[in-house]
C-alpha atoms as a PDB file:
ATOM      1  CA  MET A   1     -95.191  99.422  17.998  1.00  0.00           C
ATOM      2  CA  TYR A   2     -94.043 101.070  14.785  1.00  0.00           C
ATOM      3  CA  ASP A   3     -90.678 101.613  14.145  1.00  0.00           C
ATOM      4  CA  PHE A   4     -91.614 105.058  12.303  1.00  0.00           C
ATOM      5  CA  ILE A   5     -94.811 106.774  11.419  1.00  0.00           C
ATOM      6  CA  THR A   6     -94.277 109.888   8.802  1.00  0.00           C
ATOM      7  CA  ILE A   7     -96.724 112.570   8.404  1.00  0.00           C
ATOM      8  CA  GLY A   8     -96.678 114.939   4.860  1.00  0.00           C
ATOM      9  CA  SER A   9     -97.922 114.942   1.363  1.00  0.00           C
ATOM     10  CA  ALA A  10     -99.032 112.311  -0.931  1.00  0.00           C
ATOM     11  CA  THR A  11     -98.723 113.367  -4.696  1.00  0.00           C
ATOM     12  CA  GLN A  12     -98.762 111.907  -8.286  1.00  0.00           C
ATOM     13  CA  ASP A  13     -95.707 113.015  -9.418  1.00  0.00           C
ATOM     14  CA  VAL A  14     -95.224 113.477 -13.630  1.00  0.00           C
ATOM     15  CA  PHE A  15     -91.698 113.642 -14.510  1.00  0.00           C
ATOM     16  CA  ILE A  16     -91.263 116.089 -17.592  1.00  0.00           C
ATOM     17  CA  GLN A  17     -87.490 115.959 -19.353  1.00  0.00           C
ATOM     18  CA  SER A  18     -86.483 118.573 -22.132  1.00  0.00           C
ATOM     19  CA  ASP A  19     -82.888 119.051 -22.962  1.00  0.00           C
ATOM     20  CA  ALA A  20     -84.352 122.480 -24.202  1.00  0.00           C
ATOM     21  CA  ALA A  21     -84.204 123.974 -20.927  1.00  0.00           C
ATOM     22  CA  SER A  22     -81.710 126.344 -20.051  1.00  0.00           C
ATOM     23  CA  ILE A  23     -79.879 126.787 -16.945  1.00  0.00           C
ATOM     24  CA  VAL A  24     -79.570 130.486 -15.975  1.00  0.00           C
ATOM     25  CA  THR A  25     -76.901 131.893 -13.130  1.00  0.00           C
ATOM     26  CA  VAL A  26     -77.658 135.093 -11.514  1.00  0.00           C
ATOM     27  CA  LEU A  27     -74.642 136.400  -9.195  1.00  0.00           C
ATOM     28  CA  GLN A  28     -75.159 138.900  -6.550  1.00  0.00           C
ATOM     29  CA  THR A  29     -72.433 139.930  -3.776  1.00  0.00           C
ATOM     30  CA  SER A  30     -74.487 138.094  -0.643  1.00  0.00           C
ATOM     31  CA  LYS A  31     -76.191 135.237  -2.783  1.00  0.00           C
ATOM     32  CA  LYS A  32     -75.769 133.105  -6.297  1.00  0.00           C
ATOM     33  CA  SER A  33     -79.233 132.277  -7.634  1.00  0.00           C
ATOM     34  CA  GLU A  34     -80.113 129.738 -10.550  1.00  0.00           C
ATOM     35  CA  PHE A  35     -82.964 129.440 -12.816  1.00  0.00           C
ATOM     36  CA  MET A  36     -84.339 126.890 -15.294  1.00  0.00           C
ATOM     37  CA  SER A  37     -86.201 128.750 -18.206  1.00  0.00           C
ATOM     38  CA  PHE A  38     -87.691 127.680 -21.120  1.00  0.00           C
ATOM     39  CA  PRO A  39     -88.114 129.995 -24.448  1.00  0.00           C
ATOM     40  CA  TYR A  40     -91.177 132.091 -23.588  1.00  0.00           C
ATOM     41  CA  GLY A  41     -94.329 131.569 -25.802  1.00  0.00           C
ATOM     42  CA  ALA A  42     -92.715 128.820 -27.726  1.00  0.00           C
ATOM     43  CA  LYS A  43     -93.998 124.598 -27.994  1.00  0.00           C
ATOM     44  CA  THR A  44     -90.869 123.086 -26.225  1.00  0.00           C
ATOM     45  CA  GLU A  45     -90.424 119.474 -27.260  1.00  0.00           C
ATOM     46  CA  ILE A  46     -89.790 116.927 -24.115  1.00  0.00           C
ATOM     47  CA  ALA A  47     -87.331 113.849 -23.979  1.00  0.00           C
ATOM     48  CA  ASP A  48     -88.589 111.545 -21.137  1.00  0.00           C
ATOM     49  CA  PHE A  49     -92.532 111.235 -19.562  1.00  0.00           C
ATOM     50  CA  SER A  50     -93.369 109.118 -16.586  1.00  0.00           C
ATOM     51  CA  LYS A  51     -95.785 109.193 -13.826  1.00  0.00           C
ATOM     52  CA  ASN A  52     -95.407 108.061 -10.247  1.00  0.00           C
ATOM     53  CA  LEU A  53     -96.250 108.738  -6.852  1.00  0.00           C
ATOM     54  CA  GLY A  54     -94.773 110.679  -4.280  1.00  0.00           C
ATOM     55  CA  GLY A  55     -94.617 113.166  -1.438  1.00  0.00           C
ATOM     56  CA  GLY A  56     -92.192 113.576   1.485  1.00  0.00           C
ATOM     57  CA  ALA A  57     -94.502 111.222   3.416  1.00  0.00           C
ATOM     58  CA  VAL A  58     -94.846 108.396   1.099  1.00  0.00           C
ATOM     59  CA  ASN A  59     -91.290 108.576  -0.320  1.00  0.00           C
ATOM     60  CA  THR A  60     -89.740 108.174   3.366  1.00  0.00           C
ATOM     61  CA  ALA A  61     -92.512 105.472   4.321  1.00  0.00           C
ATOM     62  CA  THR A  62     -91.638 103.226   1.099  1.00  0.00           C
ATOM     63  CA  ASN A  63     -87.798 104.117   2.007  1.00  0.00           C
ATOM     64  CA  PHE A  64     -88.193 102.905   5.974  1.00  0.00           C
ATOM     65  CA  ALA A  65     -89.868  99.942   4.997  1.00  0.00           C
ATOM     66  CA  ASN A  66     -87.382  98.936   2.423  1.00  0.00           C
ATOM     67  CA  LEU A  67     -85.297  99.166   5.420  1.00  0.00           C
ATOM     68  CA  GLY A  68     -87.096  96.828   7.045  1.00  0.00           C
ATOM     69  CA  CYS A  69     -88.789  99.242   9.549  1.00  0.00           C
ATOM     70  CA  LYS A  70     -92.335  98.797  11.124  1.00  0.00           C
ATOM     71  CA  THR A  71     -93.741 101.735   9.234  1.00  0.00           C
ATOM     72  CA  SER A  72     -96.999 103.552   8.989  1.00  0.00           C
ATOM     73  CA  THR A  73     -98.077 107.345   7.707  1.00  0.00           C
ATOM     74  CA  ILE A  74    -100.253 110.083   8.321  1.00  0.00           C
ATOM     75  CA  ILE A  75    -101.186 111.462   4.760  1.00  0.00           C
ATOM     76  CA  LYS A  76    -104.509 113.091   3.371  1.00  0.00           C
ATOM     77  CA  LEU A  77    -106.125 111.564   0.176  1.00  0.00           C
ATOM     78  CA  GLY A  78    -108.787 113.005  -2.061  1.00  0.00           C
ATOM     79  CA  ASN A  79    -111.599 111.775  -3.167  1.00  0.00           C
ATOM     80  CA  ASP A  80    -110.351 110.735  -5.961  1.00  0.00           C
ATOM     81  CA  GLU A  81    -109.303 107.641  -8.265  1.00  0.00           C
ATOM     82  CA  LEU A  82    -105.533 107.986  -6.495  1.00  0.00           C
ATOM     83  CA  ASN A  83    -106.814 107.146  -3.511  1.00  0.00           C
ATOM     84  CA  ASN A  84    -107.204 103.622  -3.424  1.00  0.00           C
ATOM     85  CA  ILE A  85    -103.689 103.453  -6.526  1.00  0.00           C
ATOM     86  CA  ILE A  86    -102.072 105.009  -3.384  1.00  0.00           C
ATOM     87  CA  LYS A  87    -103.336 102.985  -0.460  1.00  0.00           C
ATOM     88  CA  LEU A  88    -102.553  99.283  -2.431  1.00  0.00           C
ATOM     89  CA  LYS A  89     -98.881 100.682  -3.397  1.00  0.00           C
ATOM     90  CA  LEU A  90     -98.140 101.527   0.070  1.00  0.00           C
ATOM     91  CA  ALA A  91     -99.866  98.590   1.334  1.00  0.00           C
ATOM     92  CA  LYS A  92     -97.643  96.126  -0.891  1.00  0.00           C
ATOM     93  CA  SER A  93     -94.743  98.025   0.115  1.00  0.00           C
ATOM     94  CA  GLY A  94     -95.391  96.755   3.619  1.00  0.00           C
ATOM     95  CA  ILE A  95     -96.856  99.982   4.705  1.00  0.00           C
ATOM     96  CA  ASP A  96     -99.815 100.233   7.529  1.00  0.00           C
ATOM     97  CA  ILE A  97    -102.147 102.287   5.632  1.00  0.00           C
ATOM     98  CA  MET A  98    -104.986 102.392   8.629  1.00  0.00           C
ATOM     99  CA  ASN A  99    -103.710 105.969   9.687  1.00  0.00           C
ATOM    100  CA  ILE A 100    -104.144 107.528   6.204  1.00  0.00           C
ATOM    101  CA  ILE A 101    -106.834 110.250   5.804  1.00  0.00           C
ATOM    102  CA  ASP A 102    -109.678 110.729   3.223  1.00  0.00           C
ATOM    103  CA  SER A 103    -111.007 113.425   2.034  1.00  0.00           C
ATOM    104  CA  ALA A 104    -114.263 114.317   0.438  1.00  0.00           C
ATOM    105  CA  LYS A 105    -113.657 118.094  -0.496  1.00  0.00           C
ATOM    106  CA  TYR A 106    -110.235 118.173  -1.895  1.00  0.00           C
ATOM    107  CA  LEU A 107    -108.571 116.343  -4.501  1.00  0.00           C
ATOM    108  CA  THR A 108    -105.140 114.382  -4.271  1.00  0.00           C
ATOM    109  CA  GLY A 109    -102.093 116.296  -4.308  1.00  0.00           C
ATOM    110  CA  PHE A 110    -100.348 116.440  -7.879  1.00  0.00           C
ATOM    111  CA  SER A 111     -97.096 117.911  -8.998  1.00  0.00           C
ATOM    112  CA  ILE A 112     -95.561 118.541 -12.703  1.00  0.00           C
ATOM    113  CA  ILE A 113     -91.737 117.755 -12.008  1.00  0.00           C
ATOM    114  CA  LEU A 114     -88.974 119.654 -14.929  1.00  0.00           C
ATOM    115  CA  VAL A 115     -86.388 117.740 -15.168  1.00  0.00           C
ATOM    116  CA  SER A 116     -83.123 119.519 -16.755  1.00  0.00           C
ATOM    117  CA  PHE A 117     -80.446 117.913 -18.790  1.00  0.00           C
ATOM    118  CA  GLN A 118     -78.150 118.314 -15.737  1.00  0.00           C
ATOM    119  CA  GLY A 119     -80.432 115.813 -13.714  1.00  0.00           C
ATOM    120  CA  ASP A 120     -81.642 119.113 -11.339  1.00  0.00           C
ATOM    121  CA  ARG A 121     -84.875 119.670 -10.790  1.00  0.00           C
ATOM    122  CA  THR A 122     -88.337 122.379 -10.704  1.00  0.00           C
ATOM    123  CA  VAL A 123     -91.413 121.383  -9.205  1.00  0.00           C
ATOM    124  CA  LEU A 124     -94.526 122.818  -9.873  1.00  0.00           C
ATOM    125  CA  ALA A 125     -96.721 121.723  -7.267  1.00  0.00           C
ATOM    126  CA  HIS A 126    -100.771 121.056  -6.683  1.00  0.00           C
ATOM    127  CA  ARG A 127    -100.942 120.756  -3.065  1.00  0.00           C
ATOM    128  CA  GLY A 128    -104.799 119.282  -2.553  1.00  0.00           C
ATOM    129  CA  ALA A 129    -105.907 117.594   0.483  1.00  0.00           C
ATOM    130  CA  ASN A 130    -102.077 117.701   1.516  1.00  0.00           C
ATOM    131  CA  ALA A 131    -102.725 121.544   2.636  1.00  0.00           C
ATOM    132  CA  HIS A 132    -105.687 120.529   4.916  1.00  0.00           C
ATOM    133  CA  VAL A 133    -104.624 118.006   7.717  1.00  0.00           C
ATOM    134  CA  SER A 134    -106.157 118.720  10.838  1.00  0.00           C
ATOM    135  CA  GLU A 135    -105.516 118.197  14.181  1.00  0.00           C
ATOM    136  CA  LYS A 136    -108.840 116.251  14.984  1.00  0.00           C
ATOM    137  CA  GLU A 137    -107.737 114.170  11.770  1.00  0.00           C
ATOM    138  CA  VAL A 138    -104.232 113.064  13.096  1.00  0.00           C
ATOM    139  CA  ASN A 139    -104.702 109.923  15.318  1.00  0.00           C
ATOM    140  CA  PHE A 140    -102.244 110.971  18.227  1.00  0.00           C
ATOM    141  CA  GLU A 141    -103.048 107.182  19.317  1.00  0.00           C
ATOM    142  CA  ALA A 142    -100.728 105.994  16.492  1.00  0.00           C
ATOM    143  CA  LEU A 143     -98.030 108.096  17.265  1.00  0.00           C
ATOM    144  CA  LYS A 144     -97.981 107.233  21.036  1.00  0.00           C
ATOM    145  CA  ASN A 145     -97.503 103.579  19.607  1.00  0.00           C
ATOM    146  CA  SER A 146     -94.450 104.472  17.387  1.00  0.00           C
ATOM    147  CA  ARG A 147     -90.354 104.621  18.242  1.00  0.00           C
ATOM    148  CA  TRP A 148     -90.033 107.670  15.835  1.00  0.00           C
ATOM    149  CA  VAL A 149     -92.254 110.306  14.204  1.00  0.00           C
ATOM    150  CA  TYR A 150     -91.168 111.906  11.310  1.00  0.00           C
ATOM    151  CA  VAL A 151     -92.260 115.159   9.556  1.00  0.00           C
ATOM    152  CA  SER A 152     -91.555 115.713   6.319  1.00  0.00           C
ATOM    153  CA  PRO A 153     -93.009 119.073   4.546  1.00  0.00           C
ATOM    154  CA  LEU A 154     -96.493 120.341   5.065  1.00  0.00           C
ATOM    155  CA  SER A 155     -97.840 122.950   3.374  1.00  0.00           C
ATOM    156  CA  GLY A 156    -100.728 125.358   3.936  1.00  0.00           C
ATOM    157  CA  GLU A 157    -102.924 124.840   7.106  1.00  0.00           C
ATOM    158  CA  SER A 158    -101.347 121.629   7.521  1.00  0.00           C
ATOM    159  CA  ASN A 159     -98.413 123.847   9.204  1.00  0.00           C
ATOM    160  CA  LYS A 160    -100.882 124.310  12.404  1.00  0.00           C
ATOM    161  CA  ILE A 161     -99.906 120.275  13.511  1.00  0.00           C
ATOM    162  CA  LEU A 162     -96.108 121.101  13.809  1.00  0.00           C
ATOM    163  CA  ASP A 163     -96.158 122.315  16.877  1.00  0.00           C
ATOM    164  CA  LEU A 164     -98.695 119.818  18.648  1.00  0.00           C
ATOM    165  CA  VAL A 165     -97.074 116.968  17.178  1.00  0.00           C
ATOM    166  CA  ALA A 166     -93.719 118.311  18.507  1.00  0.00           C
ATOM    167  CA  LYS A 167     -95.296 119.221  21.918  1.00  0.00           C
ATOM    168  CA  PHE A 168     -96.701 115.674  21.645  1.00  0.00           C
ATOM    169  CA  CYS A 169     -93.926 113.708  20.856  1.00  0.00           C
ATOM    170  CA  GLN A 170     -91.952 115.514  23.804  1.00  0.00           C
ATOM    171  CA  ASP A 171     -94.672 115.008  26.358  1.00  0.00           C
ATOM    172  CA  ASN A 172     -94.880 111.160  25.184  1.00  0.00           C
ATOM    173  CA  LYS A 173     -90.622 110.524  24.940  1.00  0.00           C
ATOM    174  CA  ILE A 174     -91.123 109.984  21.333  1.00  0.00           C
ATOM    175  CA  ASN A 175     -88.234 110.468  19.090  1.00  0.00           C
ATOM    176  CA  LEU A 176     -88.626 112.848  16.201  1.00  0.00           C
ATOM    177  CA  ALA A 177     -86.921 114.064  13.207  1.00  0.00           C
ATOM    178  CA  ILE A 178     -87.842 117.129  11.023  1.00  0.00           C
ATOM    179  CA  ASN A 179     -87.572 117.699   7.442  1.00  0.00           C
ATOM    180  CA  ALA A 180     -89.879 120.777   7.010  1.00  0.00           C
ATOM    181  CA  GLY A 181     -91.281 122.342   4.050  1.00  0.00           C
ATOM    182  CA  THR A 182     -90.882 126.020   2.927  1.00  0.00           C
ATOM    183  CA  THR A 183     -94.405 127.399   4.361  1.00  0.00           C
ATOM    184  CA  ALA A 184     -93.005 127.048   7.709  1.00  0.00           C
ATOM    185  CA  LEU A 185     -89.987 127.925   7.129  1.00  0.00           C
ATOM    186  CA  LYS A 186     -90.408 131.137   5.323  1.00  0.00           C
ATOM    187  CA  LYS A 187     -92.067 132.321   8.509  1.00  0.00           C
ATOM    188  CA  GLY A 188     -88.721 132.064  10.491  1.00  0.00           C
ATOM    189  CA  ALA A 189     -86.786 130.529  13.469  1.00  0.00           C
ATOM    190  CA  LYS A 190     -89.398 131.790  16.244  1.00  0.00           C
ATOM    191  CA  TYR A 191     -91.820 130.364  14.575  1.00  0.00           C
ATOM    192  CA  PHE A 192     -89.681 127.187  14.076  1.00  0.00           C
ATOM    193  CA  SER A 193     -88.213 126.991  17.712  1.00  0.00           C
ATOM    194  CA  LYS A 194     -90.594 124.709  19.203  1.00  0.00           C
ATOM    195  CA  ILE A 195     -89.809 121.817  16.981  1.00  0.00           C
ATOM    196  CA  LEU A 196     -85.982 122.626  16.563  1.00  0.00           C
ATOM    197  CA  GLN A 197     -86.018 122.389  20.177  1.00  0.00           C
ATOM    198  CA  THR A 198     -87.968 119.239  20.319  1.00  0.00           C
ATOM    199  CA  ALA A 199     -86.879 117.171  17.350  1.00  0.00           C
ATOM    200  CA  GLN A 200     -83.733 114.818  17.766  1.00  0.00           C
ATOM    201  CA  ILE A 201     -82.823 115.145  14.364  1.00  0.00           C
ATOM    202  CA  VAL A 202     -83.293 118.190  11.603  1.00  0.00           C
ATOM    203  CA  VAL A 203     -82.440 117.958   8.106  1.00  0.00           C
ATOM    204  CA  MET A 204     -82.758 120.828   5.635  1.00  0.00           C
ATOM    205  CA  ASN A 205     -81.233 122.018   2.395  1.00  0.00           C
ATOM    206  CA  LYS A 206     -79.147 124.697   2.492  1.00  0.00           C
ATOM    207  CA  GLU A 207     -81.683 126.745   0.903  1.00  0.00           C
ATOM    208  CA  GLU A 208     -83.693 125.943   3.654  1.00  0.00           C
ATOM    209  CA  ALA A 209     -81.860 126.667   6.852  1.00  0.00           C
ATOM    210  CA  THR A 210     -81.228 130.279   4.587  1.00  0.00           C
ATOM    211  CA  LEU A 211     -85.058 130.758   5.288  1.00  0.00           C
ATOM    212  CA  VAL A 212     -85.227 129.598   8.590  1.00  0.00           C
ATOM    213  CA  THR A 213     -81.541 130.721  10.116  1.00  0.00           C
ATOM    214  CA  LYS A 214     -81.652 134.166   7.930  1.00  0.00           C
ATOM    215  CA  ILE A 215     -78.005 133.774   6.559  1.00  0.00           C
ATOM    216  CA  GLN A 216     -77.230 133.754   3.648  1.00  0.00           C
ATOM    217  CA  VAL A 217     -74.031 131.625   2.139  1.00  0.00           C
ATOM    218  CA  ARG A 218     -71.629 134.367   0.815  1.00  0.00           C
ATOM    219  CA  PRO A 219     -70.155 134.117  -2.632  1.00  0.00           C
ATOM    220  CA  ASP A 220     -65.995 134.009  -3.184  1.00  0.00           C
ATOM    221  CA  THR A 221     -64.881 137.942  -3.813  1.00  0.00           C
ATOM    222  CA  LYS A 222     -61.602 139.062  -5.186  1.00  0.00           C
ATOM    223  CA  GLU A 223     -60.183 139.385  -1.723  1.00  0.00           C
ATOM    224  CA  ILE A 224     -61.997 136.266  -0.144  1.00  0.00           C
ATOM    225  CA  LYS A 225     -61.950 132.863  -1.794  1.00  0.00           C
ATOM    226  CA  TYR A 226     -64.492 130.837   1.126  1.00  0.00           C
ATOM    227  CA  SER A 227     -63.800 128.167  -0.745  1.00  0.00           C
ATOM    228  CA  LYS A 228     -60.330 127.598   0.540  1.00  0.00           C
ATOM    229  CA  GLU A 229     -62.144 126.363   4.382  1.00  0.00           C
ATOM    230  CA  LYS A 230     -63.040 122.969   4.904  1.00  0.00           C
ATOM    231  CA  ILE A 231     -66.611 124.317   5.320  1.00  0.00           C
ATOM    232  CA  HIS A 232     -67.619 127.559   4.845  1.00  0.00           C
ATOM    233  CA  PRO A 233     -68.347 129.514   7.859  1.00  0.00           C
ATOM    234  CA  ASP A 234     -71.707 130.390   6.859  1.00  0.00           C
ATOM    235  CA  ILE A 235     -72.570 126.622   6.198  1.00  0.00           C
ATOM    236  CA  LEU A 236     -71.112 126.363  10.276  1.00  0.00           C
ATOM    237  CA  GLU A 237     -73.343 129.428  11.336  1.00  0.00           C
ATOM    238  CA  MET A 238     -76.038 128.031   9.981  1.00  0.00           C
ATOM    239  CA  LEU A 239     -75.452 124.483  11.565  1.00  0.00           C
ATOM    240  CA  LYS A 240     -75.141 126.005  15.222  1.00  0.00           C
ATOM    241  CA  ALA A 241     -78.155 128.384  14.494  1.00  0.00           C
ATOM    242  CA  LEU A 242     -80.114 125.440  13.948  1.00  0.00           C
ATOM    243  CA  ARG A 243     -79.389 123.416  17.108  1.00  0.00           C
ATOM    244  CA  THR A 244     -81.416 124.636  19.415  1.00  0.00           C
ATOM    245  CA  GLY A 245     -82.430 121.293  21.062  1.00  0.00           C
ATOM    246  CA  THR A 246     -79.746 119.933  23.910  1.00  0.00           C
ATOM    247  CA  GLU A 247     -80.103 116.351  22.129  1.00  0.00           C
ATOM    248  CA  ALA A 248     -80.212 117.343  18.772  1.00  0.00           C
ATOM    249  CA  ILE A 249     -78.404 115.992  15.266  1.00  0.00           C
ATOM    250  CA  VAL A 250     -78.440 118.605  12.625  1.00  0.00           C
ATOM    251  CA  VAL A 251     -77.926 117.757   8.720  1.00  0.00           C
ATOM    252  CA  ILE A 252     -77.922 120.296   6.206  1.00  0.00           C
ATOM    253  CA  THR A 253     -77.507 119.159   2.404  1.00  0.00           C
ATOM    254  CA  ASP A 254     -75.898 121.019  -0.031  1.00  0.00           C
ATOM    255  CA  GLY A 255     -76.355 119.169  -3.562  1.00  0.00           C
ATOM    256  CA  LYS A 256     -73.475 118.287  -5.118  1.00  0.00           C
ATOM    257  CA  ASN A 257     -71.429 119.997  -2.154  1.00  0.00           C
ATOM    258  CA  GLY A 258     -72.418 117.245   0.018  1.00  0.00           C
ATOM    259  CA  VAL A 259     -73.456 117.176   3.293  1.00  0.00           C
ATOM    260  CA  TYR A 260     -72.952 118.827   6.290  1.00  0.00           C
ATOM    261  CA  CYS A 261     -73.944 117.919  10.262  1.00  0.00           C
ATOM    262  CA  TYR A 262     -73.398 118.943  13.478  1.00  0.00           C
ATOM    263  CA  ASP A 263     -74.155 117.740  16.936  1.00  0.00           C
ATOM    264  CA  GLY A 264     -72.916 120.012  19.449  1.00  0.00           C
ATOM    265  CA  LYS A 265     -69.808 118.897  19.745  1.00  0.00           C
ATOM    266  CA  ASN A 266     -68.518 117.725  16.233  1.00  0.00           C
ATOM    267  CA  THR A 267     -68.772 118.967  12.929  1.00  0.00           C
ATOM    268  CA  TYR A 268     -69.044 115.705   9.851  1.00  0.00           C
ATOM    269  CA  ILE A 269     -68.304 116.672   6.094  1.00  0.00           C
ATOM    270  CA  CYS A 270     -69.755 113.893   3.972  1.00  0.00           C
ATOM    271  CA  PRO A 271     -69.147 114.013   0.199  1.00  0.00           C
ATOM    272  CA  VAL A 272     -71.790 112.976  -2.705  1.00  0.00           C
ATOM    273  CA  PHE A 273     -71.666 109.466  -2.959  1.00  0.00           C
ATOM    274  CA  PRO A 274     -70.814 108.795  -7.071  1.00  0.00           C
ATOM    275  CA  ALA A 275     -73.719 108.300  -9.307  1.00  0.00           C
ATOM    276  CA  GLU A 276     -74.663 108.683 -12.757  1.00  0.00           C
ATOM    277  CA  VAL A 277     -77.630 111.536 -11.684  1.00  0.00           C
ATOM    278  CA  VAL A 278     -80.820 110.717 -14.236  1.00  0.00           C
ATOM    279  CA  SER A 279     -82.932 113.068 -11.545  1.00  0.00           C
ATOM    280  CA  THR A 280     -82.458 114.559  -7.675  1.00  0.00           C
ATOM    281  CA  LEU A 281     -86.405 113.999  -7.011  1.00  0.00           C
ATOM    282  CA  GLY A 282     -86.610 112.293  -3.880  1.00  0.00           C
ATOM    283  CA  ALA A 283     -82.780 112.158  -3.285  1.00  0.00           C
ATOM    284  CA  GLY A 284     -83.303 114.100  -0.047  1.00  0.00           C
ATOM    285  CA  ASP A 285     -86.093 112.264   0.827  1.00  0.00           C
ATOM    286  CA  ALA A 286     -84.220 108.687   0.881  1.00  0.00           C
ATOM    287  CA  PHE A 287     -81.394 110.756   2.565  1.00  0.00           C
ATOM    288  CA  SER A 288     -83.040 111.768   5.129  1.00  0.00           C
ATOM    289  CA  SER A 289     -84.699 109.028   6.050  1.00  0.00           C
ATOM    290  CA  THR A 290     -82.249 106.740   5.641  1.00  0.00           C
ATOM    291  CA  PHE A 291     -79.992 109.030   7.912  1.00  0.00           C
ATOM    292  CA  CYS A 292     -82.814 108.554  10.309  1.00  0.00           C
ATOM    293  CA  ALA A 293     -82.847 104.835  10.172  1.00  0.00           C
ATOM    294  CA  THR A 294     -79.596 104.124  10.533  1.00  0.00           C
ATOM    295  CA  ILE A 295     -79.046 106.304  13.874  1.00  0.00           C
ATOM    296  CA  ASP A 296     -81.688 104.365  14.611  1.00  0.00           C
ATOM    297  CA  LYS A 297     -80.469 100.905  14.034  1.00  0.00           C
ATOM    298  CA  PHE A 298     -76.849 101.765  14.872  1.00  0.00           C
ATOM    299  CA  LYS A 299     -77.059 103.542  18.399  1.00  0.00           C
ATOM    300  CA  GLY A 300     -76.344 107.231  16.969  1.00  0.00           C
ATOM    301  CA  ASP A 301     -73.197 106.241  14.888  1.00  0.00           C
ATOM    302  CA  ILE A 302     -73.494 109.822  12.930  1.00  0.00           C
ATOM    303  CA  LYS A 303     -70.451 108.816  10.883  1.00  0.00           C
ATOM    304  CA  LYS A 304     -72.333 105.556   9.181  1.00  0.00           C
ATOM    305  CA  ALA A 305     -75.815 107.420   9.256  1.00  0.00           C
ATOM    306  CA  LEU A 306     -73.853 109.849   6.918  1.00  0.00           C
ATOM    307  CA  LEU A 307     -72.128 107.253   4.643  1.00  0.00           C
ATOM    308  CA  TYR A 308     -75.576 104.938   4.195  1.00  0.00           C
ATOM    309  CA  ALA A 309     -77.736 108.110   3.399  1.00  0.00           C
ATOM    310  CA  SER A 310     -75.177 109.451   0.823  1.00  0.00           C
ATOM    311  CA  VAL A 311     -75.290 105.752  -0.777  1.00  0.00           C
ATOM    312  CA  ASN A 312     -79.179 105.368  -0.818  1.00  0.00           C
ATOM    313  CA  SER A 313     -79.742 109.029  -1.939  1.00  0.00           C
ATOM    314  CA  ALA A 314     -76.918 108.613  -4.774  1.00  0.00           C
ATOM    315  CA  SER A 315     -79.178 105.522  -6.147  1.00  0.00           C
ATOM    316  CA  VAL A 316     -82.354 107.248  -6.005  1.00  0.00           C
ATOM    317  CA  CYS A 317     -80.128 109.789  -8.564  1.00  0.00           C
ATOM    318  CA  GLY A 318     -79.605 107.335 -10.807  1.00  0.00           C
ATOM    319  CA  HIS A 319     -83.282 106.616 -11.551  1.00  0.00           C
ATOM    320  CA  PHE A 320     -86.510 108.080 -13.142  1.00  0.00           C
ATOM    321  CA  GLY A 321     -88.651 108.234  -9.974  1.00  0.00           C
ATOM    322  CA  ALA A 322     -88.268 109.501  -6.136  1.00  0.00           C
ATOM    323  CA  GLN A 323     -89.242 106.050  -4.879  1.00  0.00           C
ATOM    324  CA  GLU A 324     -86.801 104.173  -7.398  1.00  0.00           C
ATOM    325  CA  GLY A 325     -83.593 103.026  -6.422  1.00  0.00           C
ATOM    326  CA  PHE A 326     -84.014 102.735  -2.853  1.00  0.00           C
ATOM    327  CA  LEU A 327     -81.347 100.317  -1.129  1.00  0.00           C
ATOM    328  CA  LYS A 328     -81.511  97.870   1.450  1.00  0.00           C
ATOM    329  CA  PHE A 329     -78.930  97.953   4.183  1.00  0.00           C
ATOM    330  CA  GLU A 330     -77.139  95.056   3.152  1.00  0.00           C
ATOM    331  CA  GLU A 331     -76.894  96.379  -0.326  1.00  0.00           C
ATOM    332  CA  ILE A 332     -75.528 100.075   1.146  1.00  0.00           C
ATOM    333  CA  GLU A 333     -72.869  98.458   3.210  1.00  0.00           C
ATOM    334  CA  GLU A 334     -71.712  96.240  -0.031  1.00  0.00           C
ATOM    335  CA  LYS A 335     -72.053  99.429  -2.024  1.00  0.00           C
ATOM    336  CA  LEU A 336     -69.515 100.405   0.899  1.00  0.00           C
ATOM    337  CA  LYS A 337     -67.258  97.453   0.551  1.00  0.00           C
ATOM    338  CA  GLN A 338     -66.520  98.499  -2.692  1.00  0.00           C
ATOM    339  CA  SER A 339     -65.176 102.442  -2.141  1.00  0.00           C
ATOM    340  CA  PRO A 340     -63.471 102.239   1.009  1.00  0.00           C
ATOM    341  CA  ASP A 341     -61.981 105.532   0.097  1.00  0.00           C
ATOM    342  CA  PHE A 342     -66.003 107.089   0.571  1.00  0.00           C
ATOM    343  CA  LYS A 343     -65.534 108.641   3.920  1.00  0.00           C
ATOM    344  CA  VAL A 344     -66.778 111.366   6.526  1.00  0.00           C
ATOM    345  CA  THR A 345     -64.391 114.375   7.669  1.00  0.00           C
ATOM    346  CA  VAL A 346     -64.789 114.840  11.314  1.00  0.00           C
ATOM    347  CA  ILE A 347     -63.510 118.520  12.441  1.00  0.00           C
END
């Protein structure tokens, strides 16, 4: 019996950091957008460069295993040298690789991550085999042998298995956690409704939540200062719109502004745990998987799950790689003991 099976992507991540990147902010009455830009047509020097394995399913499976959970993963790898490299690394991390799908047609996914001087990043992604997972390739018997199924972002044709996985989990009383990707989210709440109604845990960042709900977070104006609110009314509306399942816990992450959570009764606000930010890539995967593992280990304790997830996510931000910096439960607890003022607000 597995504790968690992850479903999603596997990639080779190439990190490129350049101090020449500019952050351009565009303000409109209805929204605020930020862009990373480079001089057009110029040759730009890079400050740092590295290669790591990544992808939502790989990152979360590695974190689950590091937290002591019995873990497997369903990913699709290409017909290339990365196939064995990823399998060996996962096996070394204690992850069961028996449910990995091999492709003879496609290459393994590949991403170039542009990291700004602020630590935030823009990802250029080639989905490769990740975008071609079909129903017949998924080992549903393995899912039946797991207490939790964690669905990370899927791309392309792979999104067709979302409803199938949701229904299977519902029919077989398997706990479902979802952190979907933009391909599915752009289709809106109606397309995404089945999995929202079925999942016990739903995690999205603010931008993803906007795609599903079509709710924009309005900026301050001369007349109204939303920043004075404990929680922005648009964020609260998003949380309630996403919670269509009667037992669901909905989480929206908002970068440096922290995290918001809603369980149908209470709203929880958790700040960012203090850390030196080297790269934010993988922070979301670390947060969501730690949140799920803590909910499972501590019998649904949301406050504890938010605290633990924030600490582990901050630790990943302090490293140049999506799987670097993962902490064990004991290490997270020690960091929290050293920061007694770091708390969750419940409203």
